[in-house]
Amino acid sequence: MGERRKAREAALQILYQLEFETSEPGPAVRAYWKSKRGSEATRGYARWLVEGIFEHRADLDAAIQKVSKNWRIERMGLIDRNILRLAAFELSCSRPTAPAIVINEAIEITKKFSSPEAAVFVNGILDALRRGFQAEKPGEREEEHARPNPPQGNADSRRRSKPKED
């Protein structure tokens, strides 16, 4: 498991704990890492996620609410709601993580901590959020994650690699 996945899972657990406390995130983050192991990179990324989500929670919840038809934030399960916040925060910020990776990570974390059915729900909400964020900042996200085109080769090699049609 990668460092960022570990950090996202740690952040989810800290955010869950913060649902029951009204304190600032700092003490919750420190308490979490007293009983868990993690590299400095994992700890730093988890802390960045938790603090950013805590600071921008109202905006994140409003964005999620805007795209979630017939589901108020308060009706969503605690785990699902916090996974949506995690991914929405990463999708909305300028960190260079491709939206597809953020969404896939959220789906996998949902399957682990919630359920496969919830993963479908999370996927739909996050895809709508991604489209909304990209509409707000046209072209920015695509340019950030532009990949070079694969080598084209000559016409003969393209013909050979084309699948046969029945």
N, C-alpha and C. Protein backbone atom coordinates (compact mmCIF):
# COMPACT_ATOMS: atom_id res chain seq x y z
N MET A 1 0.84 -1.16 0.00
CA MET A 1 0.00 0.00 0.00
C MET A 1 0.90 1.24 0.00
N GLY A 2 0.55 2.21 -0.85
CA GLY A 2 1.34 3.43 -0.97
C GLY A 2 1.18 4.37 0.21
N GLU A 3 2.13 5.30 0.30
CA GLU A 3 2.12 6.27 1.41
C GLU A 3 0.85 7.13 1.39
N ARG A 4 0.43 7.55 0.20
CA ARG A 4 -0.76 8.40 0.13
C ARG A 4 -2.02 7.63 0.54
N ARG A 5 -2.11 6.37 0.16
CA ARG A 5 -3.27 5.57 0.57
C ARG A 5 -3.30 5.46 2.09
N LYS A 6 -2.14 5.18 2.69
CA LYS A 6 -2.07 5.10 4.15
C LYS A 6 -2.49 6.43 4.77
N ALA A 7 -2.03 7.52 4.18
CA ALA A 7 -2.37 8.84 4.72
C ALA A 7 -3.87 9.11 4.59
N ARG A 8 -4.46 8.72 3.47
CA ARG A 8 -5.91 8.93 3.28
C ARG A 8 -6.70 8.10 4.29
N GLU A 9 -6.28 6.87 4.52
CA GLU A 9 -6.97 6.02 5.49
C GLU A 9 -6.82 6.57 6.90
N ALA A 10 -5.63 7.06 7.22
CA ALA A 10 -5.43 7.67 8.54
C ALA A 10 -6.30 8.92 8.68
N ALA A 11 -6.32 9.75 7.64
CA ALA A 11 -7.13 10.97 7.67
C ALA A 11 -8.60 10.63 7.85
N LEU A 12 -9.07 9.58 7.17
CA LEU A 12 -10.46 9.16 7.32
C LEU A 12 -10.76 8.80 8.77
N GLN A 13 -9.88 8.06 9.40
CA GLN A 13 -10.10 7.66 10.78
C GLN A 13 -10.07 8.86 11.72
N ILE A 14 -9.20 9.82 11.45
CA ILE A 14 -9.14 11.03 12.28
C ILE A 14 -10.40 11.87 12.07
N LEU A 15 -10.84 11.99 10.81
CA LEU A 15 -12.07 12.75 10.52
C LEU A 15 -13.28 12.10 11.19
N TYR A 16 -13.31 10.78 11.20
CA TYR A 16 -14.40 10.07 11.87
C TYR A 16 -14.42 10.43 13.35
N GLN A 17 -13.26 10.42 13.97
CA GLN A 17 -13.16 10.79 15.38
C GLN A 17 -13.61 12.22 15.60
N LEU A 18 -13.27 13.12 14.70
CA LEU A 18 -13.65 14.53 14.84
C LEU A 18 -15.15 14.76 14.69
N GLU A 19 -15.87 13.79 14.12
CA GLU A 19 -17.33 13.90 14.05
C GLU A 19 -17.95 13.92 15.44
N PHE A 20 -17.25 13.36 16.42
CA PHE A 20 -17.78 13.25 17.78
C PHE A 20 -17.16 14.26 18.74
N GLU A 21 -16.21 15.04 18.23
CA GLU A 21 -15.54 16.06 19.04
C GLU A 21 -15.67 17.39 18.32
N THR A 22 -15.66 18.45 19.07
CA THR A 22 -15.73 19.77 18.45
C THR A 22 -14.39 20.49 18.51
N SER A 23 -13.35 19.76 18.85
CA SER A 23 -12.04 20.37 19.01
C SER A 23 -11.39 20.66 17.65
N GLU A 24 -10.28 21.33 17.71
CA GLU A 24 -9.46 21.56 16.54
C GLU A 24 -8.83 20.23 16.14
N PRO A 25 -8.41 20.10 14.89
CA PRO A 25 -7.87 18.82 14.44
C PRO A 25 -6.52 18.44 15.03
N GLY A 26 -5.73 19.42 15.46
CA GLY A 26 -4.38 19.13 15.97
C GLY A 26 -4.33 18.06 17.04
N PRO A 27 -5.11 18.20 18.12
CA PRO A 27 -5.07 17.16 19.16
C PRO A 27 -5.52 15.79 18.66
N ALA A 28 -6.49 15.75 17.77
CA ALA A 28 -6.96 14.46 17.24
C ALA A 28 -5.88 13.81 16.39
N VAL A 29 -5.18 14.61 15.60
CA VAL A 29 -4.09 14.08 14.77
C VAL A 29 -2.99 13.52 15.66
N ARG A 30 -2.59 14.29 16.67
CA ARG A 30 -1.53 13.81 17.57
C ARG A 30 -1.94 12.55 18.31
N ALA A 31 -3.18 12.50 18.78
CA ALA A 31 -3.67 11.32 19.50
C ALA A 31 -3.67 10.09 18.59
N TYR A 32 -4.05 10.27 17.36
CA TYR A 32 -4.08 9.15 16.41
C TYR A 32 -2.69 8.56 16.24
N TRP A 33 -1.69 9.43 16.02
CA TRP A 33 -0.34 8.94 15.73
C TRP A 33 0.38 8.42 16.97
N LYS A 34 -0.16 8.65 18.16
CA LYS A 34 0.45 8.06 19.35
C LYS A 34 0.30 6.55 19.34
N SER A 35 -0.80 6.07 18.74
CA SER A 35 -1.05 4.63 18.76
C SER A 35 -0.82 3.96 17.41
N LYS A 36 -0.39 4.71 16.41
CA LYS A 36 -0.19 4.15 15.06
C LYS A 36 1.22 4.46 14.58
N ARG A 37 1.66 3.66 13.63
CA ARG A 37 2.94 3.90 12.99
C ARG A 37 2.70 4.52 11.62
N GLY A 38 3.65 5.30 11.20
CA GLY A 38 3.56 5.89 9.88
C GLY A 38 4.79 6.72 9.59
N SER A 39 5.19 6.72 8.33
CA SER A 39 6.35 7.52 7.94
C SER A 39 6.02 9.00 8.09
N GLU A 40 7.04 9.81 8.05
CA GLU A 40 6.83 11.26 8.14
C GLU A 40 6.00 11.75 6.95
N ALA A 41 6.21 11.16 5.78
CA ALA A 41 5.43 11.55 4.59
C ALA A 41 3.95 11.22 4.79
N THR A 42 3.67 10.04 5.33
CA THR A 42 2.29 9.63 5.58
C THR A 42 1.65 10.55 6.61
N ARG A 43 2.36 10.80 7.68
CA ARG A 43 1.84 11.68 8.73
C ARG A 43 1.58 13.09 8.21
N GLY A 44 2.50 13.60 7.42
CA GLY A 44 2.37 14.95 6.88
C GLY A 44 1.20 15.08 5.93
N TYR A 45 1.03 14.10 5.06
CA TYR A 45 -0.07 14.17 4.09
C TYR A 45 -1.41 14.01 4.81
N ALA A 46 -1.47 13.11 5.78
CA ALA A 46 -2.70 12.94 6.56
C ALA A 46 -3.04 14.22 7.30
N ARG A 47 -2.05 14.83 7.91
CA ARG A 47 -2.27 16.09 8.64
C ARG A 47 -2.77 17.17 7.69
N TRP A 48 -2.15 17.28 6.52
CA TRP A 48 -2.56 18.27 5.52
C TRP A 48 -4.02 18.04 5.12
N LEU A 49 -4.39 16.79 4.88
CA LEU A 49 -5.78 16.47 4.52
C LEU A 49 -6.75 16.87 5.63
N VAL A 50 -6.48 16.43 6.84
CA VAL A 50 -7.40 16.68 7.95
C VAL A 50 -7.54 18.18 8.20
N GLU A 51 -6.43 18.89 8.26
CA GLU A 51 -6.50 20.33 8.53
C GLU A 51 -7.21 21.07 7.40
N GLY A 52 -6.94 20.68 6.15
CA GLY A 52 -7.59 21.32 5.01
C GLY A 52 -9.08 21.06 4.99
N ILE A 53 -9.46 19.84 5.27
CA ILE A 53 -10.89 19.49 5.28
C ILE A 53 -11.58 20.20 6.44
N PHE A 54 -10.94 20.23 7.58
CA PHE A 54 -11.53 20.90 8.74
C PHE A 54 -11.73 22.39 8.45
N GLU A 55 -10.75 23.00 7.79
CA GLU A 55 -10.83 24.43 7.47
C GLU A 55 -11.88 24.74 6.41
N HIS A 56 -12.05 23.86 5.43
CA HIS A 56 -12.93 24.11 4.29
C HIS A 56 -14.19 23.24 4.29
N ARG A 57 -14.52 22.68 5.43
CA ARG A 57 -15.63 21.72 5.50
C ARG A 57 -16.95 22.27 4.98
N ALA A 58 -17.28 23.49 5.31
CA ALA A 58 -18.55 24.07 4.86
C ALA A 58 -18.60 24.15 3.33
N ASP A 59 -17.50 24.58 2.72
CA ASP A 59 -17.45 24.66 1.25
C ASP A 59 -17.50 23.27 0.61
N LEU A 60 -16.78 22.33 1.20
CA LEU A 60 -16.78 20.96 0.68
C LEU A 60 -18.17 20.35 0.79
N ASP A 61 -18.80 20.52 1.94
CA ASP A 61 -20.15 19.99 2.13
C ASP A 61 -21.13 20.62 1.14
N ALA A 62 -20.99 21.92 0.90
CA ALA A 62 -21.88 22.59 -0.06
C ALA A 62 -21.67 22.03 -1.47
N ALA A 63 -20.43 21.79 -1.84
CA ALA A 63 -20.15 21.23 -3.17
C ALA A 63 -20.71 19.82 -3.30
N ILE A 64 -20.53 19.02 -2.26
CA ILE A 64 -21.07 17.65 -2.26
C ILE A 64 -22.59 17.69 -2.32
N GLN A 65 -23.19 18.55 -1.51
CA GLN A 65 -24.65 18.66 -1.47
C GLN A 65 -25.21 19.07 -2.83
N LYS A 66 -24.51 19.94 -3.51
CA LYS A 66 -24.96 20.45 -4.81
C LYS A 66 -25.12 19.32 -5.84
N VAL A 67 -24.24 18.32 -5.79
CA VAL A 67 -24.29 17.23 -6.78
C VAL A 67 -24.98 15.97 -6.30
N SER A 68 -25.29 15.90 -5.02
CA SER A 68 -25.93 14.68 -4.48
C SER A 68 -27.44 14.87 -4.46
N LYS A 69 -28.06 14.36 -5.47
CA LYS A 69 -29.51 14.48 -5.59
C LYS A 69 -30.20 13.58 -4.56
N ASN A 70 -31.15 14.13 -3.87
CA ASN A 70 -31.97 13.40 -2.90
C ASN A 70 -31.20 12.88 -1.69
N TRP A 71 -29.98 13.35 -1.48
CA TRP A 71 -29.21 12.93 -0.31
C TRP A 71 -28.65 14.16 0.38
N ARG A 72 -29.17 14.48 1.53
CA ARG A 72 -28.59 15.55 2.33
C ARG A 72 -27.34 15.02 3.00
N ILE A 73 -26.39 15.89 3.20
CA ILE A 73 -25.13 15.52 3.85
C ILE A 73 -25.39 14.80 5.17
N GLU A 74 -26.35 15.30 5.92
CA GLU A 74 -26.64 14.72 7.24
C GLU A 74 -27.17 13.29 7.14
N ARG A 75 -27.76 12.93 6.02
CA ARG A 75 -28.32 11.58 5.84
C ARG A 75 -27.26 10.56 5.42
N MET A 76 -26.14 11.03 4.92
CA MET A 76 -25.08 10.13 4.46
C MET A 76 -24.40 9.49 5.67
N GLY A 77 -23.94 8.28 5.48
CA GLY A 77 -23.19 7.62 6.55
C GLY A 77 -21.93 8.40 6.87
N LEU A 78 -21.50 8.33 8.12
CA LEU A 78 -20.31 9.08 8.55
C LEU A 78 -19.08 8.73 7.73
N ILE A 79 -18.88 7.47 7.47
CA ILE A 79 -17.71 7.04 6.70
C ILE A 79 -17.81 7.58 5.28
N ASP A 80 -18.94 7.36 4.64
CA ASP A 80 -19.11 7.81 3.25
C ASP A 80 -18.97 9.32 3.13
N ARG A 81 -19.56 10.04 4.05
CA ARG A 81 -19.49 11.50 4.04
C ARG A 81 -18.05 11.97 4.15
N ASN A 82 -17.26 11.35 5.02
CA ASN A 82 -15.87 11.76 5.20
C ASN A 82 -14.98 11.33 4.04
N ILE A 83 -15.29 10.23 3.42
CA ILE A 83 -14.55 9.83 2.21
C ILE A 83 -14.84 10.85 1.10
N LEU A 84 -16.09 11.26 0.97
CA LEU A 84 -16.43 12.29 -0.01
C LEU A 84 -15.69 13.59 0.28
N ARG A 85 -15.61 13.97 1.53
CA ARG A 85 -14.88 15.19 1.89
C ARG A 85 -13.40 15.07 1.54
N LEU A 86 -12.82 13.92 1.86
CA LEU A 86 -11.41 13.70 1.53
C LEU A 86 -11.16 13.89 0.04
N ALA A 87 -11.91 13.19 -0.76
CA ALA A 87 -11.71 13.25 -2.20
C ALA A 87 -12.07 14.63 -2.77
N ALA A 88 -13.14 15.22 -2.26
CA ALA A 88 -13.54 16.55 -2.73
C ALA A 88 -12.43 17.56 -2.44
N PHE A 89 -11.82 17.45 -1.28
CA PHE A 89 -10.73 18.35 -0.94
C PHE A 89 -9.57 18.17 -1.91
N GLU A 90 -9.19 16.93 -2.17
CA GLU A 90 -8.08 16.68 -3.10
C GLU A 90 -8.43 17.12 -4.52
N LEU A 91 -9.67 16.92 -4.93
CA LEU A 91 -10.07 17.34 -6.27
C LEU A 91 -10.09 18.86 -6.42
N SER A 92 -10.40 19.55 -5.34
CA SER A 92 -10.54 21.00 -5.42
C SER A 92 -9.24 21.77 -5.20
N CYS A 93 -8.22 21.10 -4.69
CA CYS A 93 -6.98 21.81 -4.40
C CYS A 93 -6.02 21.71 -5.57
N SER A 94 -4.90 22.37 -5.44
CA SER A 94 -3.96 22.43 -6.56
C SER A 94 -2.86 21.39 -6.47
N ARG A 95 -2.97 20.45 -5.56
CA ARG A 95 -1.97 19.38 -5.51
C ARG A 95 -2.03 18.57 -6.80
N PRO A 96 -0.92 18.16 -7.33
CA PRO A 96 -0.91 17.50 -8.64
C PRO A 96 -1.25 16.01 -8.62
N THR A 97 -2.41 15.67 -8.11
CA THR A 97 -2.87 14.29 -8.18
C THR A 97 -3.99 14.23 -9.20
N ALA A 98 -3.87 13.35 -10.15
CA ALA A 98 -4.87 13.24 -11.21
C ALA A 98 -6.24 12.92 -10.61
N PRO A 99 -7.30 13.55 -11.11
CA PRO A 99 -8.64 13.29 -10.59
C PRO A 99 -9.02 11.81 -10.63
N ALA A 100 -8.63 11.10 -11.67
CA ALA A 100 -8.96 9.67 -11.75
C ALA A 100 -8.33 8.89 -10.60
N ILE A 101 -7.13 9.27 -10.20
CA ILE A 101 -6.47 8.60 -9.08
C ILE A 101 -7.18 8.90 -7.78
N VAL A 102 -7.54 10.16 -7.58
CA VAL A 102 -8.25 10.56 -6.36
C VAL A 102 -9.56 9.79 -6.24
N ILE A 103 -10.31 9.72 -7.33
CA ILE A 103 -11.59 9.02 -7.31
C ILE A 103 -11.40 7.53 -7.08
N ASN A 104 -10.43 6.93 -7.76
CA ASN A 104 -10.18 5.49 -7.58
C ASN A 104 -9.78 5.18 -6.14
N GLU A 105 -8.92 6.01 -5.57
CA GLU A 105 -8.52 5.81 -4.18
C GLU A 105 -9.74 5.88 -3.25
N ALA A 106 -10.60 6.85 -3.49
CA ALA A 106 -11.81 6.99 -2.66
C ALA A 106 -12.70 5.76 -2.78
N ILE A 107 -12.82 5.23 -3.98
CA ILE A 107 -13.65 4.03 -4.18
C ILE A 107 -13.06 2.84 -3.42
N GLU A 108 -11.75 2.66 -3.53
CA GLU A 108 -11.10 1.54 -2.83
C GLU A 108 -11.21 1.69 -1.31
N ILE A 109 -11.05 2.89 -0.81
CA ILE A 109 -11.19 3.12 0.63
C ILE A 109 -12.63 2.89 1.07
N THR A 110 -13.58 3.27 0.23
CA THR A 110 -14.99 3.03 0.55
C THR A 110 -15.27 1.53 0.63
N LYS A 111 -14.74 0.77 -0.30
CA LYS A 111 -14.93 -0.69 -0.27
C LYS A 111 -14.34 -1.29 1.00
N LYS A 112 -13.24 -0.75 1.46
CA LYS A 112 -12.57 -1.28 2.65
C LYS A 112 -13.29 -0.88 3.94
N PHE A 113 -13.71 0.38 4.03
CA PHE A 113 -14.26 0.88 5.29
C PHE A 113 -15.79 0.95 5.31
N SER A 114 -16.43 0.86 4.14
CA SER A 114 -17.88 0.96 4.10
C SER A 114 -18.44 -0.27 3.40
N SER A 115 -18.82 -0.14 2.13
CA SER A 115 -19.39 -1.29 1.43
C SER A 115 -19.26 -1.11 -0.08
N PRO A 116 -19.36 -2.21 -0.83
CA PRO A 116 -19.32 -2.08 -2.30
C PRO A 116 -20.47 -1.22 -2.83
N GLU A 117 -21.63 -1.30 -2.20
CA GLU A 117 -22.77 -0.49 -2.64
C GLU A 117 -22.48 1.00 -2.43
N ALA A 118 -21.85 1.33 -1.31
CA ALA A 118 -21.49 2.72 -1.04
C ALA A 118 -20.44 3.21 -2.03
N ALA A 119 -19.58 2.29 -2.50
CA ALA A 119 -18.56 2.68 -3.48
C ALA A 119 -19.19 3.20 -4.76
N VAL A 120 -20.31 2.62 -5.18
CA VAL A 120 -21.01 3.09 -6.37
C VAL A 120 -21.54 4.50 -6.14
N PHE A 121 -22.11 4.73 -4.98
CA PHE A 121 -22.62 6.05 -4.60
C PHE A 121 -21.48 7.08 -4.59
N VAL A 122 -20.38 6.75 -3.94
CA VAL A 122 -19.22 7.64 -3.84
C VAL A 122 -18.68 7.95 -5.23
N ASN A 123 -18.59 6.94 -6.08
CA ASN A 123 -18.10 7.14 -7.45
C ASN A 123 -18.97 8.15 -8.19
N GLY A 124 -20.27 8.01 -8.11
CA GLY A 124 -21.17 8.91 -8.81
C GLY A 124 -21.05 10.35 -8.32
N ILE A 125 -20.99 10.53 -7.01
CA ILE A 125 -20.87 11.87 -6.44
C ILE A 125 -19.53 12.50 -6.85
N LEU A 126 -18.46 11.73 -6.74
CA LEU A 126 -17.14 12.29 -7.05
C LEU A 126 -16.97 12.59 -8.53
N ASP A 127 -17.57 11.78 -9.39
CA ASP A 127 -17.49 12.07 -10.81
C ASP A 127 -18.21 13.38 -11.13
N ALA A 128 -19.36 13.60 -10.50
CA ALA A 128 -20.09 14.86 -10.70
C ALA A 128 -19.29 16.04 -10.13
N LEU A 129 -18.65 15.85 -8.99
CA LEU A 129 -17.81 16.90 -8.42
C LEU A 129 -16.65 17.23 -9.34
N ARG A 130 -16.00 16.19 -9.86
CA ARG A 130 -14.87 16.38 -10.77
C ARG A 130 -15.29 17.22 -11.97
N ARG A 131 -16.43 16.88 -12.56
CA ARG A 131 -16.92 17.65 -13.72
C ARG A 131 -17.19 19.09 -13.33
N GLY A 132 -17.77 19.29 -12.15
CA GLY A 132 -18.06 20.64 -11.68
C GLY A 132 -16.80 21.45 -11.44
N PHE A 133 -15.80 20.84 -10.81
CA PHE A 133 -14.54 21.55 -10.56
C PHE A 133 -13.83 21.87 -11.87
N GLN A 134 -13.87 20.94 -12.82
CA GLN A 134 -13.23 21.20 -14.11
C GLN A 134 -13.96 22.28 -14.89
N ALA A 135 -15.28 22.37 -14.73
CA ALA A 135 -16.04 23.43 -15.40
C ALA A 135 -15.69 24.80 -14.81
N GLU A 136 -15.40 24.82 -13.50
CA GLU A 136 -15.03 26.08 -12.85
C GLU A 136 -13.65 26.55 -13.29
N LYS A 137 -12.76 25.59 -13.56
CA LYS A 137 -11.39 25.91 -13.96
C LYS A 137 -11.10 25.22 -15.30
N PRO A 138 -11.69 25.69 -16.39
CA PRO A 138 -11.56 25.00 -17.67
C PRO A 138 -10.10 24.80 -18.07
N GLY A 139 -9.79 23.57 -18.45
CA GLY A 139 -8.47 23.23 -18.96
C GLY A 139 -7.38 23.09 -17.92
N GLU A 140 -7.54 23.65 -16.74
CA GLU A 140 -6.48 23.64 -15.75
C GLU A 140 -6.12 22.23 -15.32
N ARG A 141 -7.10 21.42 -14.99
CA ARG A 141 -6.81 20.08 -14.49
C ARG A 141 -6.23 19.19 -15.58
N GLU A 142 -6.74 19.31 -16.80
CA GLU A 142 -6.21 18.47 -17.87
C GLU A 142 -4.76 18.81 -18.16
N GLU A 143 -4.42 20.11 -18.20
CA GLU A 143 -3.05 20.51 -18.48
C GLU A 143 -2.12 20.05 -17.38
N GLU A 144 -2.58 20.10 -16.15
CA GLU A 144 -1.78 19.69 -15.01
C GLU A 144 -1.35 18.24 -15.14
N HIS A 145 -2.21 17.42 -15.74
CA HIS A 145 -1.98 15.98 -15.78
C HIS A 145 -1.79 15.48 -17.20
N ALA A 146 -1.42 16.37 -18.10
CA ALA A 146 -1.26 15.97 -19.50
C ALA A 146 -0.19 14.90 -19.60
N ARG A 147 -0.45 13.91 -20.38
CA ARG A 147 0.49 12.83 -20.62
C ARG A 147 0.96 12.94 -22.07
N PRO A 148 2.22 12.65 -22.32
CA PRO A 148 2.67 12.69 -23.71
C PRO A 148 1.95 11.62 -24.52
N ASN A 149 1.74 11.91 -25.78
CA ASN A 149 1.10 10.92 -26.64
C ASN A 149 2.05 9.75 -26.86
N PRO A 150 1.51 8.55 -26.95
CA PRO A 150 2.38 7.39 -27.21
C PRO A 150 2.97 7.51 -28.61
N PRO A 151 4.12 6.89 -28.84
CA PRO A 151 4.72 6.94 -30.18
C PRO A 151 3.74 6.38 -31.20
N GLN A 152 3.67 7.04 -32.34
CA GLN A 152 2.72 6.63 -33.36
C GLN A 152 3.24 5.51 -34.24
N GLY A 153 4.53 5.45 -34.49
CA GLY A 153 5.05 4.40 -35.36
C GLY A 153 4.61 4.64 -36.79
N ASN A 154 4.94 3.67 -37.66
CA ASN A 154 4.52 3.83 -39.06
C ASN A 154 3.15 3.21 -39.27
N ALA A 155 2.60 3.40 -40.44
CA ALA A 155 1.25 2.92 -40.73
C ALA A 155 1.14 1.41 -40.60
N ASP A 156 2.20 0.67 -40.98
CA ASP A 156 2.16 -0.79 -40.89
C ASP A 156 2.04 -1.26 -39.45
N SER A 157 2.79 -0.62 -38.53
CA SER A 157 2.72 -1.05 -37.14
C SER A 157 1.36 -0.71 -36.54
N ARG A 158 0.75 0.39 -36.99
CA ARG A 158 -0.58 0.72 -36.48
C ARG A 158 -1.60 -0.29 -36.97
N ARG A 159 -1.46 -0.73 -38.22
CA ARG A 159 -2.39 -1.73 -38.76
C ARG A 159 -2.26 -3.05 -38.02
N ARG A 160 -1.02 -3.45 -37.72
CA ARG A 160 -0.82 -4.72 -37.04
C ARG A 160 -1.39 -4.70 -35.63
N SER A 161 -1.34 -3.56 -34.95
CA SER A 161 -1.80 -3.52 -33.56
C SER A 161 -3.31 -3.34 -33.46
N LYS A 162 -3.95 -3.04 -34.56
CA LYS A 162 -5.39 -2.85 -34.55
C LYS A 162 -6.08 -4.20 -34.36
N PRO A 163 -7.02 -4.30 -33.43
CA PRO A 163 -7.69 -5.58 -33.22
C PRO A 163 -8.53 -5.97 -34.43
N LYS A 164 -8.58 -7.27 -34.66
CA LYS A 164 -9.39 -7.78 -35.77
C LYS A 164 -10.86 -7.69 -35.41
N GLU A 165 -11.65 -7.35 -36.39
CA GLU A 165 -13.10 -7.29 -36.18
C GLU A 165 -13.73 -8.57 -36.72
N ASP A 166 -14.72 -9.09 -36.02
CA ASP A 166 -15.39 -10.31 -36.47
C ASP A 166 -16.51 -10.00 -37.42
